[in-house]
């Protein structure tokens, strides 16, 4: 804990928040929860929602980049066999649990 505030001449101790990164399994589960229509594929909008939830600065741009990175067959969706590449892509940015 650190002492960074003073109140009426007394030291006030405030706790630090730990930044715990998502595991790859947590990221994978979070991405699948964003499959709103349940078709087993993630669209660009669903990816944008996921990156927004993760706290990405510009989630639409991040979703577009994720598709470019992980969409092997170029159909504009990420299916089950492509999700591991998506997780690998997202993990490099160090998103943390809040």
PDB file of N, CA and C in Angstrom:
ATOM      1  N   UNK A   1       0.845  -1.173   0.000  1.00  0.00           N
ATOM      2  CA  UNK A   1       0.000   0.000   0.000  1.00  0.00           C
ATOM      3  C   UNK A   1       0.888   1.233   0.000  1.00  0.00           C
ATOM      4  N   UNK A   2       0.380   2.272  -0.539  1.00  0.00           N
ATOM      5  CA  UNK A   2       1.188   3.483  -0.557  1.00  0.00           C
ATOM      6  C   UNK A   2       0.490   4.611   0.168  1.00  0.00           C
ATOM      7  N   UNK A   3       1.282   5.543   0.547  1.00  0.00           N
ATOM      8  CA  UNK A   3       0.827   6.682   1.306  1.00  0.00           C
ATOM      9  C   UNK A   3       0.896   7.895   0.376  1.00  0.00           C
ATOM     10  N   UNK A   4      -0.208   8.203  -0.302  1.00  0.00           N
ATOM     11  CA  UNK A   4      -0.164   9.302  -1.260  1.00  0.00           C
ATOM     12  C   UNK A   4      -1.203  10.388  -0.988  1.00  0.00           C
ATOM     13  N   UNK A   5      -1.925  10.290   0.091  1.00  0.00           N
ATOM     14  CA  UNK A   5      -2.921  11.305   0.440  1.00  0.00           C
ATOM     15  C   UNK A   5      -2.699  11.778   1.871  1.00  0.00           C
ATOM     16  N   UNK A   6      -3.103  12.980   2.130  1.00  0.00           N
ATOM     17  CA  UNK A   6      -3.053  13.486   3.499  1.00  0.00           C
ATOM     18  C   UNK A   6      -4.412  14.076   3.833  1.00  0.00           C
ATOM     19  N   UNK A   7      -4.929  13.712   4.992  1.00  0.00           N
ATOM     20  CA  UNK A   7      -6.219  14.222   5.432  1.00  0.00           C
ATOM     21  C   UNK A   7      -6.071  14.732   6.858  1.00  0.00           C
ATOM     22  N   UNK A   8      -6.294  16.025   7.020  1.00  0.00           N
ATOM     23  CA  UNK A   8      -6.202  16.660   8.337  1.00  0.00           C
ATOM     24  C   UNK A   8      -4.888  16.351   9.040  1.00  0.00           C
ATOM     25  N   UNK A   9      -3.813  16.392   8.271  1.00  0.00           N
ATOM     26  CA  UNK A   9      -2.504  16.193   8.861  1.00  0.00           C
ATOM     27  C   UNK A   9      -2.145  14.744   9.122  1.00  0.00           C
ATOM     28  N   UNK A  10      -3.051  13.820   8.836  1.00  0.00           N
ATOM     29  CA  UNK A  10      -2.762  12.400   9.038  1.00  0.00           C
ATOM     30  C   UNK A  10      -2.502  11.742   7.690  1.00  0.00           C
ATOM     31  N   UNK A  11      -1.686  10.743   7.710  1.00  0.00           N
ATOM     32  CA  UNK A  11      -1.436   9.979   6.489  1.00  0.00           C
ATOM     33  C   UNK A  11      -2.611   9.060   6.212  1.00  0.00           C
ATOM     34  N   UNK A  12      -3.012   9.013   4.965  1.00  0.00           N
ATOM     35  CA  UNK A  12      -4.095   8.124   4.551  1.00  0.00           C
ATOM     36  C   UNK A  12      -3.485   7.083   3.622  1.00  0.00           C
ATOM     37  N   UNK A  13      -3.687   5.834   3.941  1.00  0.00           N
ATOM     38  CA  UNK A  13      -3.130   4.754   3.144  1.00  0.00           C
ATOM     39  C   UNK A  13      -4.177   4.293   2.145  1.00  0.00           C
ATOM     40  N   UNK A  14      -3.784   4.249   0.879  1.00  0.00           N
ATOM     41  CA  UNK A  14      -4.686   3.787  -0.164  1.00  0.00           C
ATOM     42  C   UNK A  14      -4.123   2.499  -0.763  1.00  0.00           C
ATOM     43  N   UNK A  15      -4.971   1.506  -0.989  1.00  0.00           N
ATOM     44  CA  UNK A  15      -4.481   0.240  -1.546  1.00  0.00           C
ATOM     45  C   UNK A  15      -4.169   0.380  -3.030  1.00  0.00           C
ATOM     46  N   UNK A  16      -3.208  -0.402  -3.483  1.00  0.00           N
ATOM     47  CA  UNK A  16      -2.889  -0.458  -4.909  1.00  0.00           C
ATOM     48  C   UNK A  16      -3.764  -1.502  -5.561  1.00  0.00           C
ATOM     49  N   UNK A  17      -4.105  -1.250  -6.801  1.00  0.00           N
ATOM     50  CA  UNK A  17      -4.870  -2.234  -7.572  1.00  0.00           C
ATOM     51  C   UNK A  17      -3.889  -3.061  -8.386  1.00  0.00           C
ATOM     52  N   UNK A  18      -4.039  -4.332  -8.335  1.00  0.00           N
ATOM     53  CA  UNK A  18      -3.188  -5.222  -9.114  1.00  0.00           C
ATOM     54  C   UNK A  18      -3.750  -5.362 -10.519  1.00  0.00           C
ATOM     55  N   UNK A  19      -2.886  -5.310 -11.486  1.00  0.00           N
ATOM     56  CA  UNK A  19      -3.291  -5.529 -12.873  1.00  0.00           C
ATOM     57  C   UNK A  19      -2.979  -6.978 -13.220  1.00  0.00           C
ATOM     58  N   UNK A  20      -4.012  -7.772 -13.344  1.00  0.00           N
ATOM     59  CA  UNK A  20      -3.849  -9.185 -13.635  1.00  0.00           C
ATOM     60  C   UNK A  20      -4.246  -9.414 -15.092  1.00  0.00           C
ATOM     61  N   UNK A  21      -3.303  -9.856 -15.929  1.00  0.00           N
ATOM     62  CA  UNK A  21      -3.644 -10.075 -17.336  1.00  0.00           C
ATOM     63  C   UNK A  21      -4.563 -11.273 -17.515  1.00  0.00           C
ATOM     64  N   UNK A  22      -5.412 -11.188 -18.541  1.00  0.00           N
ATOM     65  CA  UNK A  22      -6.256 -12.315 -18.907  1.00  0.00           C
ATOM     66  C   UNK A  22      -5.373 -13.480 -19.340  1.00  0.00           C
ATOM     67  N   UNK A  23      -5.779 -14.692 -18.995  1.00  0.00           N
ATOM     68  CA  UNK A  23      -5.115 -15.868 -19.545  1.00  0.00           C
ATOM     69  C   UNK A  23      -5.676 -16.097 -20.948  1.00  0.00           C
ATOM     70  N   UNK A  24      -5.017 -16.947 -21.708  1.00  0.00           N
ATOM     71  CA  UNK A  24      -5.504 -17.239 -23.056  1.00  0.00           C
ATOM     72  C   UNK A  24      -6.871 -17.910 -23.008  1.00  0.00           C
ATOM     73  N   UNK A  25      -7.084 -18.776 -22.016  1.00  0.00           N
ATOM     74  CA  UNK A  25      -8.388 -19.431 -21.885  1.00  0.00           C
ATOM     75  C   UNK A  25      -9.480 -18.422 -21.529  1.00  0.00           C
ATOM     76  N   UNK A  26      -9.161 -17.448 -20.677  1.00  0.00           N
ATOM     77  CA  UNK A  26     -10.141 -16.411 -20.331  1.00  0.00           C
ATOM     78  C   UNK A  26     -10.481 -15.566 -21.544  1.00  0.00           C
ATOM     79  N   UNK A  27      -9.466 -15.216 -22.333  1.00  0.00           N
ATOM     80  CA  UNK A  27      -9.715 -14.438 -23.552  1.00  0.00           C
ATOM     81  C   UNK A  27     -10.600 -15.225 -24.517  1.00  0.00           C
ATOM     82  N   UNK A  28     -10.288 -16.498 -24.680  1.00  0.00           N
ATOM     83  CA  UNK A  28     -11.067 -17.340 -25.591  1.00  0.00           C
ATOM     84  C   UNK A  28     -12.535 -17.385 -25.154  1.00  0.00           C
ATOM     85  N   UNK A  29     -12.776 -17.603 -23.880  1.00  0.00           N
ATOM     86  CA  UNK A  29     -14.146 -17.638 -23.369  1.00  0.00           C
ATOM     87  C   UNK A  29     -14.854 -16.308 -23.527  1.00  0.00           C
ATOM     88  N   UNK A  30     -14.127 -15.224 -23.295  1.00  0.00           N
ATOM     89  CA  UNK A  30     -14.715 -13.888 -23.429  1.00  0.00           C
ATOM     90  C   UNK A  30     -15.106 -13.621 -24.892  1.00  0.00           C
ATOM     91  N   UNK A  31     -14.241 -14.001 -25.824  1.00  0.00           N
ATOM     92  CA  UNK A  31     -14.575 -13.806 -27.236  1.00  0.00           C
ATOM     93  C   UNK A  31     -15.821 -14.611 -27.612  1.00  0.00           C
ATOM     94  N   UNK A  32     -15.919 -15.864 -27.162  1.00  0.00           N
ATOM     95  CA  UNK A  32     -17.094 -16.666 -27.501  1.00  0.00           C
ATOM     96  C   UNK A  32     -18.355 -16.120 -26.857  1.00  0.00           C
ATOM     97  N   UNK A  33     -18.255 -15.495 -25.705  1.00  0.00           N
ATOM     98  CA  UNK A  33     -19.445 -14.874 -25.098  1.00  0.00           C
ATOM     99  C   UNK A  33     -19.950 -13.711 -25.943  1.00  0.00           C
ATOM    100  N   UNK A  34     -19.100 -13.154 -26.773  1.00  0.00           N
ATOM    101  CA  UNK A  34     -19.508 -12.038 -27.638  1.00  0.00           C
ATOM    102  C   UNK A  34     -20.146 -12.518 -28.938  1.00  0.00           C
ATOM    103  N   UNK A  35     -20.259 -13.825 -29.134  1.00  0.00           N
ATOM    104  CA  UNK A  35     -20.964 -14.374 -30.297  1.00  0.00           C
ATOM    105  C   UNK A  35     -22.457 -14.256 -30.025  1.00  0.00           C
ATOM    106  N   UNK A  36     -23.004 -13.081 -30.231  1.00  0.00           N
ATOM    107  CA  UNK A  36     -24.383 -12.755 -29.843  1.00  0.00           C
ATOM    108  C   UNK A  36     -25.444 -13.571 -30.570  1.00  0.00           C
ATOM    109  N   UNK A  37     -25.218 -13.871 -31.845  1.00  0.00           N
ATOM    110  CA  UNK A  37     -26.231 -14.613 -32.590  1.00  0.00           C
ATOM    111  C   UNK A  37     -26.037 -16.126 -32.507  1.00  0.00           C
ATOM    112  N   UNK A  38     -24.976 -16.583 -31.857  1.00  0.00           N
ATOM    113  CA  UNK A  38     -24.760 -18.006 -31.623  1.00  0.00           C
ATOM    114  C   UNK A  38     -24.471 -18.844 -32.854  1.00  0.00           C
ATOM    115  N   UNK A  39     -23.926 -18.210 -33.900  1.00  0.00           N
ATOM    116  CA  UNK A  39     -23.660 -18.959 -35.130  1.00  0.00           C
ATOM    117  C   UNK A  39     -22.295 -19.656 -35.142  1.00  0.00           C
ATOM    118  N   UNK A  40     -21.542 -19.518 -34.061  1.00  0.00           N
ATOM    119  CA  UNK A  40     -20.242 -20.175 -33.993  1.00  0.00           C
ATOM    120  C   UNK A  40     -19.144 -19.448 -34.738  1.00  0.00           C
ATOM    121  N   UNK A  41     -19.430 -18.210 -35.141  1.00  0.00           N
ATOM    122  CA  UNK A  41     -18.444 -17.363 -35.822  1.00  0.00           C
ATOM    123  C   UNK A  41     -18.502 -15.978 -35.201  1.00  0.00           C
ATOM    124  N   UNK A  42     -17.382 -15.287 -35.241  1.00  0.00           N
ATOM    125  CA  UNK A  42     -17.340 -13.918 -34.731  1.00  0.00           C
ATOM    126  C   UNK A  42     -17.261 -12.946 -35.904  1.00  0.00           C
ATOM    127  N   UNK A  43     -18.216 -12.046 -35.973  1.00  0.00           N
ATOM    128  CA  UNK A  43     -18.231 -11.010 -37.007  1.00  0.00           C
ATOM    129  C   UNK A  43     -17.380  -9.832 -36.553  1.00  0.00           C
ATOM    130  N   UNK A  44     -17.188  -8.892 -37.452  1.00  0.00           N
ATOM    131  CA  UNK A  44     -16.418  -7.708 -37.088  1.00  0.00           C
ATOM    132  C   UNK A  44     -17.098  -6.941 -35.949  1.00  0.00           C
ATOM    133  N   UNK A  45     -18.419  -6.833 -35.989  1.00  0.00           N
ATOM    134  CA  UNK A  45     -19.147  -6.127 -34.925  1.00  0.00           C
ATOM    135  C   UNK A  45     -18.998  -6.851 -33.595  1.00  0.00           C
ATOM    136  N   UNK A  46     -19.077  -8.167 -33.610  1.00  0.00           N
ATOM    137  CA  UNK A  46     -18.905  -8.935 -32.377  1.00  0.00           C
ATOM    138  C   UNK A  46     -17.486  -8.775 -31.838  1.00  0.00           C
ATOM    139  N   UNK A  47     -16.512  -8.736 -32.730  1.00  0.00           N
ATOM    140  CA  UNK A  47     -15.128  -8.495 -32.305  1.00  0.00           C
ATOM    141  C   UNK A  47     -14.974  -7.091 -31.726  1.00  0.00           C
ATOM    142  N   UNK A  48     -15.614  -6.124 -32.354  1.00  0.00           N
ATOM    143  CA  UNK A  48     -15.559  -4.758 -31.842  1.00  0.00           C
ATOM    144  C   UNK A  48     -16.145  -4.688 -30.434  1.00  0.00           C
ATOM    145  N   UNK A  49     -17.254  -5.369 -30.209  1.00  0.00           N
ATOM    146  CA  UNK A  49     -17.851  -5.412 -28.875  1.00  0.00           C
ATOM    147  C   UNK A  49     -16.892  -6.044 -27.873  1.00  0.00           C
ATOM    148  N   UNK A  50     -16.218  -7.114 -28.291  1.00  0.00           N
ATOM    149  CA  UNK A  50     -15.274  -7.803 -27.412  1.00  0.00           C
ATOM    150  C   UNK A  50     -14.099  -6.895 -27.059  1.00  0.00           C
ATOM    151  N   UNK A  51     -13.540  -6.227 -28.048  1.00  0.00           N
ATOM    152  CA  UNK A  51     -12.404  -5.345 -27.774  1.00  0.00           C
ATOM    153  C   UNK A  51     -12.826  -4.127 -26.964  1.00  0.00           C
ATOM    154  N   UNK A  52     -14.045  -3.692 -27.138  1.00  0.00           N
ATOM    155  CA  UNK A  52     -14.566  -2.611 -26.301  1.00  0.00           C
ATOM    156  C   UNK A  52     -14.635  -3.070 -24.851  1.00  0.00           C
ATOM    157  N   UNK A  53     -15.137  -4.271 -24.629  1.00  0.00           N
ATOM    158  CA  UNK A  53     -15.212  -4.835 -23.283  1.00  0.00           C
ATOM    159  C   UNK A  53     -13.826  -4.956 -22.656  1.00  0.00           C
ATOM    160  N   UNK A  54     -12.839  -5.327 -23.481  1.00  0.00           N
ATOM    161  CA  UNK A  54     -11.469  -5.464 -22.983  1.00  0.00           C
ATOM    162  C   UNK A  54     -10.819  -4.113 -22.664  1.00  0.00           C
ATOM    163  N   UNK A  55     -11.397  -3.038 -23.186  1.00  0.00           N
ATOM    164  CA  UNK A  55     -10.858  -1.708 -22.912  1.00  0.00           C
ATOM    165  C   UNK A  55      -9.939  -1.174 -23.994  1.00  0.00           C
ATOM    166  N   UNK A  56     -10.062  -1.696 -25.208  1.00  0.00           N
ATOM    167  CA  UNK A  56      -9.242  -1.219 -26.323  1.00  0.00           C
ATOM    168  C   UNK A  56      -9.538   0.261 -26.571  1.00  0.00           C
ATOM    169  N   UNK A  57      -8.506   1.018 -26.913  1.00  0.00           N
ATOM    170  CA  UNK A  57      -8.650   2.453 -27.146  1.00  0.00           C
ATOM    171  C   UNK A  57      -9.581   2.739 -28.325  1.00  0.00           C
ATOM    172  N   UNK A  58      -9.375   2.050 -29.436  1.00  0.00           N
ATOM    173  CA  UNK A  58     -10.230   2.199 -30.614  1.00  0.00           C
ATOM    174  C   UNK A  58     -10.679   0.803 -31.018  1.00  0.00           C
ATOM    175  N   UNK A  59     -11.753   0.290 -30.408  1.00  0.00           N
ATOM    176  CA  UNK A  59     -12.141  -1.106 -30.609  1.00  0.00           C
ATOM    177  C   UNK A  59     -12.489  -1.473 -32.049  1.00  0.00           C
ATOM    178  N   UNK A  60     -13.052  -0.551 -32.821  1.00  0.00           N
ATOM    179  CA  UNK A  60     -13.366  -0.845 -34.219  1.00  0.00           C
ATOM    180  C   UNK A  60     -12.121  -1.109 -35.035  1.00  0.00           C
ATOM    181  N   UNK A  61     -11.108  -0.309 -34.814  1.00  0.00           N
ATOM    182  CA  UNK A  61      -9.836  -0.490 -35.518  1.00  0.00           C
ATOM    183  C   UNK A  61      -9.178  -1.795 -35.081  1.00  0.00           C
ATOM    184  N   UNK A  62      -9.228  -2.071 -33.781  1.00  0.00           N
ATOM    185  CA  UNK A  62      -8.615  -3.291 -33.254  1.00  0.00           C
ATOM    186  C   UNK A  62      -9.325  -4.519 -33.824  1.00  0.00           C
ATOM    187  N   UNK A  63     -10.657  -4.467 -33.969  1.00  0.00           N
ATOM    188  CA  UNK A  63     -11.414  -5.575 -34.551  1.00  0.00           C
ATOM    189  C   UNK A  63     -11.015  -5.809 -36.003  1.00  0.00           C
ATOM    190  N   UNK A  64     -10.858  -4.727 -36.748  1.00  0.00           N
ATOM    191  CA  UNK A  64     -10.442  -4.825 -38.150  1.00  0.00           C
ATOM    192  C   UNK A  64      -9.064  -5.466 -38.254  1.00  0.00           C
ATOM    193  N   UNK A  65      -8.149  -5.046 -37.398  1.00  0.00           N
ATOM    194  CA  UNK A  65      -6.797  -5.621 -37.390  1.00  0.00           C
ATOM    195  C   UNK A  65      -6.826  -7.088 -36.977  1.00  0.00           C
ATOM    196  N   UNK A  66      -7.683  -7.436 -36.018  1.00  0.00           N
ATOM    197  CA  UNK A  66      -7.798  -8.821 -35.574  1.00  0.00           C
ATOM    198  C   UNK A  66      -8.284  -9.711 -36.715  1.00  0.00           C
ATOM    199  N   UNK A  67      -9.255  -9.233 -37.477  1.00  0.00           N
ATOM    200  CA  UNK A  67      -9.730 -10.002 -38.633  1.00  0.00           C
ATOM    201  C   UNK A  67      -8.617 -10.199 -39.648  1.00  0.00           C
ATOM    202  N   UNK A  68      -7.885  -9.161 -39.917  1.00  0.00           N
ATOM    203  CA  UNK A  68      -6.785  -9.252 -40.878  1.00  0.00           C
ATOM    204  C   UNK A  68      -5.737 -10.262 -40.394  1.00  0.00           C
ATOM    205  N   UNK A  69      -5.511 -10.285 -39.091  1.00  0.00           N
ATOM    206  CA  UNK A  69      -4.494 -11.159 -38.503  1.00  0.00           C
ATOM    207  C   UNK A  69      -4.943 -12.625 -38.477  1.00  0.00           C
ATOM    208  N   UNK A  70      -6.188 -12.885 -38.100  1.00  0.00           N
ATOM    209  CA  UNK A  70      -6.613 -14.246 -37.790  1.00  0.00           C
ATOM    210  C   UNK A  70      -7.533 -14.904 -38.820  1.00  0.00           C
ATOM    211  N   UNK A  71      -8.113 -14.153 -39.735  1.00  0.00           N
ATOM    212  CA  UNK A  71      -9.078 -14.715 -40.692  1.00  0.00           C
ATOM    213  C   UNK A  71      -8.336 -15.418 -41.830  1.00  0.00           C
ATOM    214  N   UNK A  72      -8.066 -16.710 -41.659  1.00  0.00           N
ATOM    215  CA  UNK A  72      -7.284 -17.469 -42.638  1.00  0.00           C
ATOM    216  C   UNK A  72      -7.970 -17.622 -43.987  1.00  0.00           C
ATOM    217  N   UNK A  73      -9.288 -17.834 -43.985  1.00  0.00           N
ATOM    218  CA  UNK A  73      -9.973 -18.081 -45.255  1.00  0.00           C
ATOM    219  C   UNK A  73     -10.555 -16.815 -45.884  1.00  0.00           C
ATOM    220  N   UNK A  74     -10.428 -15.670 -45.216  1.00  0.00           N
ATOM    221  CA  UNK A  74     -10.844 -14.393 -45.792  1.00  0.00           C
ATOM    222  C   UNK A  74     -12.339 -14.197 -45.930  1.00  0.00           C
ATOM    223  N   UNK A  75     -13.149 -14.917 -45.139  1.00  0.00           N
ATOM    224  CA  UNK A  75     -14.604 -14.779 -45.255  1.00  0.00           C
ATOM    225  C   UNK A  75     -15.178 -13.643 -44.404  1.00  0.00           C
ATOM    226  N   UNK A  76     -14.334 -12.956 -43.639  1.00  0.00           N
ATOM    227  CA  UNK A  76     -14.810 -11.840 -42.826  1.00  0.00           C
ATOM    228  C   UNK A  76     -15.341 -12.245 -41.466  1.00  0.00           C
ATOM    229  N   UNK A  77     -15.190 -13.512 -41.122  1.00  0.00           N
ATOM    230  CA  UNK A  77     -15.621 -14.037 -39.828  1.00  0.00           C
ATOM    231  C   UNK A  77     -14.499 -14.885 -39.241  1.00  0.00           C
ATOM    232  N   UNK A  78     -14.515 -15.030 -37.928  1.00  0.00           N
ATOM    233  CA  UNK A  78     -13.562 -15.919 -37.275  1.00  0.00           C
ATOM    234  C   UNK A  78     -14.318 -17.112 -36.714  1.00  0.00           C
ATOM    235  N   UNK A  79     -13.984 -18.287 -37.209  1.00  0.00           N
ATOM    236  CA  UNK A  79     -14.621 -19.526 -36.771  1.00  0.00           C
ATOM    237  C   UNK A  79     -13.730 -20.219 -35.743  1.00  0.00           C
ATOM    238  N   UNK A  80     -14.171 -21.373 -35.296  1.00  0.00           N
ATOM    239  CA  UNK A  80     -13.508 -22.100 -34.214  1.00  0.00           C
ATOM    240  C   UNK A  80     -12.021 -22.327 -34.474  1.00  0.00           C
ATOM    241  N   UNK A  81     -11.652 -22.737 -35.672  1.00  0.00           N
ATOM    242  CA  UNK A  81     -10.244 -23.032 -35.932  1.00  0.00           C
ATOM    243  C   UNK A  81      -9.383 -21.764 -36.020  1.00  0.00           C
ATOM    244  N   UNK A  82     -10.003 -20.603 -36.154  1.00  0.00           N
ATOM    245  CA  UNK A  82      -9.254 -19.349 -36.239  1.00  0.00           C
ATOM    246  C   UNK A  82      -9.167 -18.620 -34.895  1.00  0.00           C
ATOM    247  N   UNK A  83      -9.912 -19.103 -33.893  1.00  0.00           N
ATOM    248  CA  UNK A  83      -9.980 -18.386 -32.618  1.00  0.00           C
ATOM    249  C   UNK A  83      -8.640 -18.373 -31.890  1.00  0.00           C
ATOM    250  N   UNK A  84      -7.846 -19.426 -32.044  1.00  0.00           N
ATOM    251  CA  UNK A  84      -6.546 -19.458 -31.376  1.00  0.00           C
ATOM    252  C   UNK A  84      -5.635 -18.337 -31.865  1.00  0.00           C
ATOM    253  N   UNK A  85      -5.700 -18.032 -33.154  1.00  0.00           N
ATOM    254  CA  UNK A  85      -4.907 -16.911 -33.690  1.00  0.00           C
ATOM    255  C   UNK A  85      -5.421 -15.576 -33.150  1.00  0.00           C
ATOM    256  N   UNK A  86      -6.746 -15.471 -33.010  1.00  0.00           N
ATOM    257  CA  UNK A  86      -7.336 -14.259 -32.432  1.00  0.00           C
ATOM    258  C   UNK A  86      -6.844 -14.067 -30.993  1.00  0.00           C
ATOM    259  N   UNK A  87      -6.856 -15.138 -30.214  1.00  0.00           N
ATOM    260  CA  UNK A  87      -6.396 -15.066 -28.826  1.00  0.00           C
ATOM    261  C   UNK A  87      -4.921 -14.683 -28.779  1.00  0.00           C
ATOM    262  N   UNK A  88      -4.128 -15.266 -29.653  1.00  0.00           N
ATOM    263  CA  UNK A  88      -2.699 -14.932 -29.727  1.00  0.00           C
ATOM    264  C   UNK A  88      -2.515 -13.439 -30.041  1.00  0.00           C
ATOM    265  N   UNK A  89      -3.326 -12.937 -30.954  1.00  0.00           N
ATOM    266  CA  UNK A  89      -3.281 -11.518 -31.319  1.00  0.00           C
ATOM    267  C   UNK A  89      -3.652 -10.641 -30.126  1.00  0.00           C
ATOM    268  N   UNK A  90      -4.752 -10.963 -29.453  1.00  0.00           N
ATOM    269  CA  UNK A  90      -5.238 -10.132 -28.347  1.00  0.00           C
ATOM    270  C   UNK A  90      -4.314 -10.196 -27.141  1.00  0.00           C
ATOM    271  N   UNK A  91      -3.706 -11.351 -26.896  1.00  0.00           N
ATOM    272  CA  UNK A  91      -2.857 -11.527 -25.714  1.00  0.00           C
ATOM    273  C   UNK A  91      -1.634 -10.620 -25.746  1.00  0.00           C
ATOM    274  N   UNK A  92      -1.170 -10.264 -26.918  1.00  0.00           N
ATOM    275  CA  UNK A  92       0.030  -9.436 -27.008  1.00  0.00           C
ATOM    276  C   UNK A  92      -0.170  -8.010 -26.509  1.00  0.00           C
ATOM    277  N   UNK A  93      -1.419  -7.600 -26.306  1.00  0.00           N
ATOM    278  CA  UNK A  93      -1.696  -6.235 -25.857  1.00  0.00           C
ATOM    279  C   UNK A  93      -1.846  -6.109 -24.351  1.00  0.00           C
ATOM    280  N   UNK A  94      -1.798  -7.229 -23.641  1.00  0.00           N
ATOM    281  CA  UNK A  94      -1.781  -7.206 -22.191  1.00  0.00           C
ATOM    282  C   UNK A  94      -3.056  -6.683 -21.535  1.00  0.00           C
ATOM    283  N   UNK A  95      -4.207  -6.991 -22.094  1.00  0.00           N
ATOM    284  CA  UNK A  95      -5.458  -6.589 -21.460  1.00  0.00           C
ATOM    285  C   UNK A  95      -5.528  -7.212 -20.067  1.00  0.00           C
ATOM    286  N   UNK A  96      -6.038  -6.451 -19.122  1.00  0.00           N
ATOM    287  CA  UNK A  96      -6.063  -6.920 -17.740  1.00  0.00           C
ATOM    288  C   UNK A  96      -7.477  -6.953 -17.189  1.00  0.00           C
ATOM    289  N   UNK A  97      -7.661  -7.826 -16.212  1.00  0.00           N
ATOM    290  CA  UNK A  97      -8.932  -7.902 -15.483  1.00  0.00           C
ATOM    291  C   UNK A  97      -9.109  -6.631 -14.686  1.00  0.00           C
ATOM    292  N   UNK A  98     -10.314  -6.112 -14.650  1.00  0.00           N
ATOM    293  CA  UNK A  98     -10.535  -4.890 -13.867  1.00  0.00           C
ATOM    294  C   UNK A  98     -11.416  -5.143 -12.689  1.00  0.00           C
TER     295      UNK A  98
END
